[in-house]
C-alpha atoms as a PDB file:
ATOM      1  CA  MET A   1     -13.417   1.961  -8.212  1.00  0.00           C
ATOM      2  CA  MET A   2     -10.721   3.471  -5.227  1.00  0.00           C
ATOM      3  CA  THR A   3      -7.542   1.910  -6.684  1.00  0.00           C
ATOM      4  CA  SER A   4      -8.508   3.927  -9.637  1.00  0.00           C
ATOM      5  CA  ARG A   5      -7.705   6.813  -7.871  1.00  0.00           C
ATOM      6  CA  ALA A   6      -4.213   5.403  -5.935  1.00  0.00           C
ATOM      7  CA  ARG A   7      -3.089   4.287  -9.437  1.00  0.00           C
ATOM      8  CA  ALA A   8      -4.316   8.470 -10.632  1.00  0.00           C
ATOM      9  CA  ALA A   9      -2.157   9.833  -8.027  1.00  0.00           C
ATOM     10  CA  ILE A  10       1.148   7.560  -8.709  1.00  0.00           C
ATOM     11  CA  PHE A  11       0.698   8.259 -12.860  1.00  0.00           C
ATOM     12  CA  ALA A  12       0.739  11.987 -11.388  1.00  0.00           C
ATOM     13  CA  PRO A  13       3.140  14.423 -13.003  1.00  0.00           C
ATOM     14  CA  ILE A  14       6.379  14.702 -11.246  1.00  0.00           C
ATOM     15  CA  GLY A  15       6.997  18.050 -12.121  1.00  0.00           C
ATOM     16  CA  ASP A  16       9.869  20.287 -10.952  1.00  0.00           C
ATOM     17  CA  GLU A  17      11.037  17.160  -9.521  1.00  0.00           C
ATOM     18  CA  GLY A  18      11.472  15.041 -12.532  1.00  0.00           C
ATOM     19  CA  ARG A  19      14.518  13.229 -12.410  1.00  0.00           C
ATOM     20  CA  ALA A  20      14.537   9.367 -13.030  1.00  0.00           C
ATOM     21  CA  ALA A  21      15.297   8.450  -9.346  1.00  0.00           C
ATOM     22  CA  ARG A  22      11.795  10.414  -8.648  1.00  0.00           C
ATOM     23  CA  VAL A  23      10.000   8.340 -10.773  1.00  0.00           C
ATOM     24  CA  GLU A  24      12.093   5.217 -10.057  1.00  0.00           C
ATOM     25  CA  ASN A  25      11.224   5.380  -6.609  1.00  0.00           C
ATOM     26  CA  ARG A  26       7.358   6.363  -6.778  1.00  0.00           C
ATOM     27  CA  LEU A  27       6.897   3.197  -9.414  1.00  0.00           C
ATOM     28  CA  ALA A  28       9.000   1.140  -6.828  1.00  0.00           C
ATOM     29  CA  GLU A  29       6.557   2.056  -3.868  1.00  0.00           C
ATOM     30  CA  ALA A  30       3.602   1.447  -6.257  1.00  0.00           C
ATOM     31  CA  ILE A  31       4.823  -1.969  -7.059  1.00  0.00           C
ATOM     32  CA  ARG A  32       5.540  -3.002  -3.061  1.00  0.00           C
ATOM     33  CA  SER A  33       2.328  -1.519  -2.073  1.00  0.00           C
ATOM     34  CA  GLY A  34       0.294  -3.575  -4.603  1.00  0.00           C
ATOM     35  CA  VAL A  35      -0.913  -0.606  -6.230  1.00  0.00           C
ATOM     36  CA  LEU A  36       0.700  -1.700  -9.451  1.00  0.00           C
ATOM     37  CA  ALA A  37       0.338  -5.567  -9.566  1.00  0.00           C
ATOM     38  CA  HIS A  38       2.300  -8.746 -10.655  1.00  0.00           C
ATOM     39  CA  GLY A  39       2.107  -9.417 -14.266  1.00  0.00           C
ATOM     40  CA  GLU A  40       1.092  -5.575 -14.839  1.00  0.00           C
ATOM     41  CA  ARG A  41       2.021  -4.137 -18.024  1.00  0.00           C
ATOM     42  CA  LEU A  42       3.317  -0.702 -17.372  1.00  0.00           C
ATOM     43  CA  PRO A  43       2.897   2.054 -20.050  1.00  0.00           C
ATOM     44  CA  SER A  44       5.159   2.335 -22.687  1.00  0.00           C
ATOM     45  CA  GLU A  45       8.642   4.669 -22.360  1.00  0.00           C
ATOM     46  CA  PRO A  46       6.767   7.348 -23.991  1.00  0.00           C
ATOM     47  CA  GLU A  47       3.501   7.047 -22.528  1.00  0.00           C
ATOM     48  CA  LEU A  48       4.816   6.907 -18.659  1.00  0.00           C
ATOM     49  CA  ALA A  49       6.972  10.114 -19.506  1.00  0.00           C
ATOM     50  CA  GLN A  50       3.737  12.016 -20.816  1.00  0.00           C
ATOM     51  CA  MET A  51       1.711  10.840 -17.930  1.00  0.00           C
ATOM     52  CA  LEU A  52       4.439  11.892 -15.181  1.00  0.00           C
ATOM     53  CA  GLY A  53       5.674  14.975 -17.384  1.00  0.00           C
ATOM     54  CA  VAL A  54       8.947  13.790 -17.819  1.00  0.00           C
ATOM     55  CA  ALA A  55      11.672  13.402 -20.764  1.00  0.00           C
ATOM     56  CA  THR A  56      11.404  10.017 -22.350  1.00  0.00           C
ATOM     57  CA  VAL A  57      15.092   9.371 -21.490  1.00  0.00           C
ATOM     58  CA  THR A  58      13.940   9.784 -17.934  1.00  0.00           C
ATOM     59  CA  ALA A  59      11.512   7.029 -18.272  1.00  0.00           C
ATOM     60  CA  ARG A  60      13.778   4.807 -19.835  1.00  0.00           C
ATOM     61  CA  GLU A  61      16.302   5.374 -16.863  1.00  0.00           C
ATOM     62  CA  ALA A  62      13.905   4.951 -14.304  1.00  0.00           C
ATOM     63  CA  LEU A  63      12.924   1.742 -15.864  1.00  0.00           C
ATOM     64  CA  VAL A  64      16.083   0.578 -16.331  1.00  0.00           C
ATOM     65  CA  ALA A  65      16.685   1.133 -12.410  1.00  0.00           C
ATOM     66  CA  LEU A  66      13.609  -1.183 -11.730  1.00  0.00           C
ATOM     67  CA  ARG A  67      14.419  -3.646 -13.869  1.00  0.00           C
ATOM     68  CA  ALA A  68      18.452  -3.939 -12.277  1.00  0.00           C
ATOM     69  CA  ARG A  69      16.313  -4.131  -8.530  1.00  0.00           C
ATOM     70  CA  GLY A  70      13.981  -7.109 -10.041  1.00  0.00           C
ATOM     71  CA  LEU A  71      10.803  -4.535  -9.558  1.00  0.00           C
ATOM     72  CA  VAL A  72      10.092  -5.322 -13.386  1.00  0.00           C
ATOM     73  CA  VAL A  73      11.086  -7.364 -16.106  1.00  0.00           C
ATOM     74  CA  THR A  74      10.960  -6.250 -19.738  1.00  0.00           C
ATOM     75  CA  THR A  75      10.217  -8.319 -23.045  1.00  0.00           C
ATOM     76  CA  ARG A  76      10.743  -7.698 -26.665  1.00  0.00           C
ATOM     77  CA  GLY A  77       8.337  -8.529 -30.080  1.00  0.00           C
ATOM     78  CA  ARG A  78       4.760  -8.694 -30.215  1.00  0.00           C
ATOM     79  CA  GLY A  79       3.151  -8.604 -26.952  1.00  0.00           C
ATOM     80  CA  GLY A  80       6.393  -7.802 -25.482  1.00  0.00           C
ATOM     81  CA  GLY A  81       6.910  -4.361 -22.706  1.00  0.00           C
ATOM     82  CA  SER A  82       7.974  -3.918 -19.260  1.00  0.00           C
ATOM     83  CA  PHE A  83       5.712  -6.006 -16.356  1.00  0.00           C
ATOM     84  CA  VAL A  84       5.541  -5.588 -13.092  1.00  0.00           C
ATOM     85  CA  ARG A  85       7.581  -8.087 -10.748  1.00  0.00           C
ATOM     86  CA  ALA A  86       5.965  -9.636  -7.423  1.00  0.00           C
ATOM     87  CA  PRO A  87       7.322  -7.742  -4.652  1.00  0.00           C
ATOM     88  CA  GLU A  88       9.547  -9.170  -1.909  1.00  0.00           C
ATOM     89  CA  SER A  89       8.370 -12.562  -0.502  1.00  0.00           C
ATOM     90  CA  ALA A  90       6.988 -13.483   3.095  1.00  0.00           C
ATOM     91  CA  ASP A  91      10.406 -14.729   4.283  1.00  0.00           C
ATOM     92  CA  LEU A  92      12.047 -11.261   2.494  1.00  0.00           C
ATOM     93  CA  VAL A  93       9.814  -9.678   4.755  1.00  0.00           C
ATOM     94  CA  GLU A  94      10.181 -11.224   8.218  1.00  0.00           C
ATOM     95  CA  ASP A  95      14.110 -10.863   7.599  1.00  0.00           C
ATOM     96  CA  ARG A  96      13.416  -7.768   7.009  1.00  0.00           C
ATOM     97  CA  LEU A  97      11.696  -7.394  10.322  1.00  0.00           C
ATOM     98  CA  ALA A  98      14.561  -8.972  11.663  1.00  0.00           C
ATOM     99  CA  ALA A  99      16.968  -6.618  10.849  1.00  0.00           C
ATOM    100  CA  MET A 100      15.022  -3.944  12.596  1.00  0.00           C
ATOM    101  CA  SER A 101      16.007  -2.619  15.884  1.00  0.00           C
ATOM    102  CA  ARG A 102      13.273  -1.868  18.262  1.00  0.00           C
ATOM    103  CA  ILE A 103      13.147   1.642  18.182  1.00  0.00           C
ATOM    104  CA  GLU A 104      13.257   1.797  14.213  1.00  0.00           C
ATOM    105  CA  LEU A 105      10.395  -0.653  14.286  1.00  0.00           C
ATOM    106  CA  ARG A 106       8.364   1.711  16.927  1.00  0.00           C
ATOM    107  CA  ASP A 107       9.584   4.703  14.794  1.00  0.00           C
ATOM    108  CA  ARG A 108       8.605   3.434  11.989  1.00  0.00           C
ATOM    109  CA  ALA A 109       4.884   2.408  13.334  1.00  0.00           C
ATOM    110  CA  THR A 110       4.264   6.092  14.757  1.00  0.00           C
ATOM    111  CA  VAL A 111       4.804   7.277  11.052  1.00  0.00           C
ATOM    112  CA  TYR A 112       2.254   5.029   9.778  1.00  0.00           C
ATOM    113  CA  LEU A 113      -0.093   5.326  12.527  1.00  0.00           C
ATOM    114  CA  VAL A 114      -0.049   8.917  12.222  1.00  0.00           C
ATOM    115  CA  VAL A 115      -0.644   9.140   8.628  1.00  0.00           C
ATOM    116  CA  LEU A 116      -3.174   6.175   8.459  1.00  0.00           C
ATOM    117  CA  THR A 117      -5.524   7.463  11.217  1.00  0.00           C
ATOM    118  CA  GLY A 118      -5.210  11.006   9.846  1.00  0.00           C
ATOM    119  CA  CYS A 119      -6.653   9.648   6.447  1.00  0.00           C
ATOM    120  CA  ALA A 120      -9.441   7.502   7.622  1.00  0.00           C
ATOM    121  CA  GLU A 121     -11.017  10.820   9.562  1.00  0.00           C
ATOM    122  CA  ILE A 122     -10.212  13.061   6.798  1.00  0.00           C
ATOM    123  CA  ALA A 123     -12.080  10.020   4.336  1.00  0.00           C
ATOM    124  CA  ALA A 124     -14.729  10.340   6.701  1.00  0.00           C
ATOM    125  CA  GLU A 125     -15.357  13.810   6.176  1.00  0.00           C
ATOM    126  CA  ARG A 126     -14.751  13.787   2.515  1.00  0.00           C
ATOM    127  CA  THR A 127     -16.332  10.699   1.510  1.00  0.00           C
ATOM    128  CA  ASP A 128     -19.970   9.986  -0.406  1.00  0.00           C
ATOM    129  CA  PRO A 129     -21.783   7.088   1.190  1.00  0.00           C
ATOM    130  CA  ASP A 130     -22.049   5.592  -2.053  1.00  0.00           C
ATOM    131  CA  GLU A 131     -18.331   5.430  -2.412  1.00  0.00           C
ATOM    132  CA  VAL A 132     -17.921   3.629   0.335  1.00  0.00           C
ATOM    133  CA  GLU A 133     -20.070   0.673  -0.490  1.00  0.00           C
ATOM    134  CA  ASP A 134     -16.721  -0.136  -3.145  1.00  0.00           C
ATOM    135  CA  LEU A 135     -15.125  -0.827   0.311  1.00  0.00           C
ATOM    136  CA  ARG A 136     -17.640  -3.518   1.153  1.00  0.00           C
ATOM    137  CA  ASP A 137     -16.218  -5.852  -1.471  1.00  0.00           C
ATOM    138  CA  LEU A 138     -12.869  -5.855  -0.106  1.00  0.00           C
ATOM    139  CA  LEU A 139     -14.519  -7.388   3.741  1.00  0.00           C
ATOM    140  CA  ILE A 140     -13.028 -10.768   3.547  1.00  0.00           C
ATOM    141  CA  PRO A 141     -15.229 -13.536   4.973  1.00  0.00           C
ATOM    142  CA  LEU A 142     -13.801 -15.771   8.369  1.00  0.00           C
ATOM    143  CA  ASN A 143     -13.996 -18.670   6.423  1.00  0.00           C
ATOM    144  CA  VAL A 144     -11.557 -17.614   4.040  1.00  0.00           C
ATOM    145  CA  SER A 145      -7.705 -18.802   5.302  1.00  0.00           C
ATOM    146  CA  ASP A 146      -6.041 -17.761   1.731  1.00  0.00           C
ATOM    147  CA  VAL A 147      -3.247 -15.272   4.099  1.00  0.00           C
ATOM    148  CA  ALA A 148      -2.193 -13.842   0.740  1.00  0.00           C
ATOM    149  CA  ARG A 149      -5.689 -12.508  -0.102  1.00  0.00           C
ATOM    150  CA  TRP A 150      -6.143 -11.099   3.479  1.00  0.00           C
ATOM    151  CA  ARG A 151      -3.045  -9.292   3.114  1.00  0.00           C
ATOM    152  CA  SER A 152      -4.015  -7.884  -0.423  1.00  0.00           C
ATOM    153  CA  ALA A 153      -7.372  -7.257   0.814  1.00  0.00           C
ATOM    154  CA  ASP A 154      -5.809  -5.032   4.159  1.00  0.00           C
ATOM    155  CA  SER A 155      -3.395  -2.976   1.725  1.00  0.00           C
ATOM    156  CA  GLU A 156      -6.125  -2.148  -0.790  1.00  0.00           C
ATOM    157  CA  LEU A 157      -8.476  -1.309   2.009  1.00  0.00           C
ATOM    158  CA  TYR A 158      -5.670   1.111   3.084  1.00  0.00           C
ATOM    159  CA  LEU A 159      -5.140   2.300  -0.041  1.00  0.00           C
ATOM    160  CA  SER A 160      -8.629   3.193  -0.834  1.00  0.00           C
ATOM    161  CA  VAL A 161      -9.252   5.025   2.457  1.00  0.00           C
ATOM    162  CA  ALA A 162      -6.226   7.322   1.168  1.00  0.00           C
ATOM    163  CA  ALA A 163      -7.816   7.902  -2.148  1.00  0.00           C
ATOM    164  CA  LEU A 164     -10.928   8.785  -0.343  1.00  0.00           C
ATOM    165  CA  THR A 165      -9.452  11.449   1.282  1.00  0.00           C
ATOM    166  CA  GLN A 166      -9.241  12.877  -2.456  1.00  0.00           C
ATOM    167  CA  SER A 167      -5.677  14.209  -2.169  1.00  0.00           C
ATOM    168  CA  ALA A 168      -2.817  12.921  -4.604  1.00  0.00           C
ATOM    169  CA  ARG A 169      -0.523  13.784  -2.355  1.00  0.00           C
ATOM    170  CA  MET A 170      -1.916  11.900   0.548  1.00  0.00           C
ATOM    171  CA  THR A 171      -2.567   8.894  -1.466  1.00  0.00           C
ATOM    172  CA  ARG A 172       0.837   8.723  -2.393  1.00  0.00           C
ATOM    173  CA  GLU A 173       2.347   9.114   1.095  1.00  0.00           C
ATOM    174  CA  VAL A 174       0.341   6.331   2.020  1.00  0.00           C
ATOM    175  CA  VAL A 175       1.717   4.240  -0.902  1.00  0.00           C
ATOM    176  CA  ARG A 176       5.037   4.859   0.065  1.00  0.00           C
ATOM    177  CA  GLN A 177       4.403   3.793   3.841  1.00  0.00           C
ATOM    178  CA  GLU A 178       2.491   0.808   2.765  1.00  0.00           C
ATOM    179  CA  ALA A 179       5.951  -0.208   0.636  1.00  0.00           C
ATOM    180  CA  ASP A 180       8.201   0.790   3.308  1.00  0.00           C
ATOM    181  CA  PHE A 181       6.392  -0.864   6.156  1.00  0.00           C
ATOM    182  CA  GLY A 182       2.942  -1.914   5.749  1.00  0.00           C
ATOM    183  CA  ALA A 183       4.227  -5.491   4.591  1.00  0.00           C
ATOM    184  CA  LEU A 184       5.377  -5.798   8.132  1.00  0.00           C
ATOM    185  CA  LEU A 185       2.535  -5.191  10.043  1.00  0.00           C
ATOM    186  CA  ARG A 186       0.447  -7.900   7.884  1.00  0.00           C
ATOM    187  CA  ILE A 187       2.857 -10.821   9.125  1.00  0.00           C
ATOM    188  CA  PRO A 188       0.460 -11.965  11.966  1.00  0.00           C
ATOM    189  CA  LEU A 189      -2.536 -12.311   9.027  1.00  0.00           C
ATOM    190  CA  ASN A 190      -1.398 -15.770   9.142  1.00  0.00           C
ATOM    191  CA  GLU A 191      -2.670 -16.207  12.517  1.00  0.00           C
ATOM    192  CA  PRO A 192      -6.789 -17.382  12.545  1.00  0.00           C
ATOM    193  CA  GLY A 193      -7.067 -15.612  15.895  1.00  0.00           C
ATOM    194  CA  PHE A 194      -5.166 -12.246  14.276  1.00  0.00           C
ATOM    195  CA  ARG A 195      -7.659 -12.455  10.939  1.00  0.00           C
ATOM    196  CA  GLU A 196     -10.983 -12.386  13.322  1.00  0.00           C
ATOM    197  CA  ALA A 197      -9.918  -9.140  15.053  1.00  0.00           C
ATOM    198  CA  THR A 198      -9.154  -7.983  11.683  1.00  0.00           C
ATOM    199  CA  ALA A 199     -11.937  -8.329  10.003  1.00  0.00           C
ATOM    200  CA  THR A 200     -13.749  -6.684  13.161  1.00  0.00           C
ATOM    201  CA  ARG A 201     -11.887  -3.450  12.660  1.00  0.00           C
ATOM    202  CA  HIS A 202     -12.368  -3.414   8.784  1.00  0.00           C
ATOM    203  CA  GLN A 203     -15.984  -3.712   9.435  1.00  0.00           C
ATOM    204  CA  GLU A 204     -15.800  -0.916  11.881  1.00  0.00           C
ATOM    205  CA  LEU A 205     -14.225   1.069   9.493  1.00  0.00           C
ATOM    206  CA  VAL A 206     -16.364   1.127   6.679  1.00  0.00           C
ATOM    207  CA  ASP A 207     -19.392   1.468   8.553  1.00  0.00           C
ATOM    208  CA  ALA A 208     -17.976   5.028  10.520  1.00  0.00           C
ATOM    209  CA  LEU A 209     -16.856   5.951   6.359  1.00  0.00           C
ATOM    210  CA  ALA A 210     -20.267   4.913   5.778  1.00  0.00           C
ATOM    211  CA  SER A 211     -21.857   7.054   8.386  1.00  0.00           C
ATOM    212  CA  GLY A 212     -19.163  10.237   8.137  1.00  0.00           C
ATOM    213  CA  ASP A 213     -18.243   8.976  11.721  1.00  0.00           C
ATOM    214  CA  ALA A 214     -14.383  10.617  11.639  1.00  0.00           C
ATOM    215  CA  VAL A 215     -13.712   9.887  15.408  1.00  0.00           C
ATOM    216  CA  ARG A 216     -14.568   6.244  15.260  1.00  0.00           C
ATOM    217  CA  ALA A 217     -13.092   6.182  11.693  1.00  0.00           C
ATOM    218  CA  ARG A 218      -9.789   7.008  13.068  1.00  0.00           C
ATOM    219  CA  GLU A 219     -10.049   4.834  16.176  1.00  0.00           C
ATOM    220  CA  SER A 220     -11.063   1.864  14.500  1.00  0.00           C
ATOM    221  CA  VAL A 221      -7.655   2.316  12.641  1.00  0.00           C
ATOM    222  CA  ARG A 222      -5.400   3.200  15.452  1.00  0.00           C
ATOM    223  CA  GLU A 223      -6.926  -0.312  17.370  1.00  0.00           C
ATOM    224  CA  HIS A 224      -5.950  -1.946  14.064  1.00  0.00           C
ATOM    225  CA  ILE A 225      -2.568  -0.522  13.876  1.00  0.00           C
ATOM    226  CA  ALA A 226      -2.163  -1.035  17.634  1.00  0.00           C
ATOM    227  CA  HIS A 227      -2.934  -4.531  17.789  1.00  0.00           C
ATOM    228  CA  SER A 228      -0.960  -5.503  14.913  1.00  0.00           C
ATOM    229  CA  LEU A 229       2.078  -3.308  16.266  1.00  0.00           C
ATOM    230  CA  GLU A 230       1.882  -5.515  19.800  1.00  0.00           C
ATOM    231  CA  ARG A 231       1.822  -9.004  17.877  1.00  0.00           C
ATOM    232  CA  LEU A 232       4.430  -7.900  15.752  1.00  0.00           C
ATOM    233  CA  ALA A 233       6.792  -6.713  18.648  1.00  0.00           C
ATOM    234  CA  GLU A 234       6.221 -10.114  20.062  1.00  0.00           C
ATOM    235  CA  ILE A 235       7.113 -11.695  16.860  1.00  0.00           C
ATOM    236  CA  HIS A 236      10.595  -9.003  16.226  1.00  0.00           C
ATOM    237  CA  GLU A 237      11.891 -10.765  19.511  1.00  0.00           C
ATOM    238  CA  ALA A 238      10.937 -14.172  18.403  1.00  0.00           C
ATOM    239  CA  VAL A 239      12.975 -13.568  15.262  1.00  0.00           C
ATOM    240  CA  ARG A 240      16.074 -11.830  16.691  1.00  0.00           C
ATOM    241  CA  ARG A 241      16.967 -14.342  19.104  1.00  0.00           C
END
């Protein structure tokens, strides 16, 4: 599955950058982007240290910091361990949007656009058509009104596209972008009309990947992000009044 590739990128060795802050940030981004799900049990400290190629004390320090940020909760005893806590609520996401300037909003959107369109183009060039079929399971029928499901599927689709580039570094960058900006672009998914346009773009993207059409894959992502940003800019103006 594509999500397993994204997870593999998260737990790839840190290497020379094996400080607690690096471990903390990588796991925090994975939690906020949805790669690591709410309630999921994390590897034990020794397991985490081995997977990331760091000392056990480094993994322990990172988990302590994640607990302080409210992203991980640790329980003791039988069945205990460190578990992922749900990322920020929709209200907190909107608060984060309201705190941004228009310049910052557009700046972050530009970086997101460049990274995601590049991933789509590369994925179309490298993907085996059989792998693309897994992506079709992420396409949400229009009669589904569960906004959380739409937001989760949208995030997972783009994380899966990143995994199809076969680059762990690129996948981690998309995880970082999803944690930093992706949730903001999904605010408009509470609108039926926006969901309909999103469904169309998702279908176009998957079809383009299946046919190896790099130009169309890139363009479908560009159109979707441009549409999202246009609506988000309108919401941004409203929440800042």
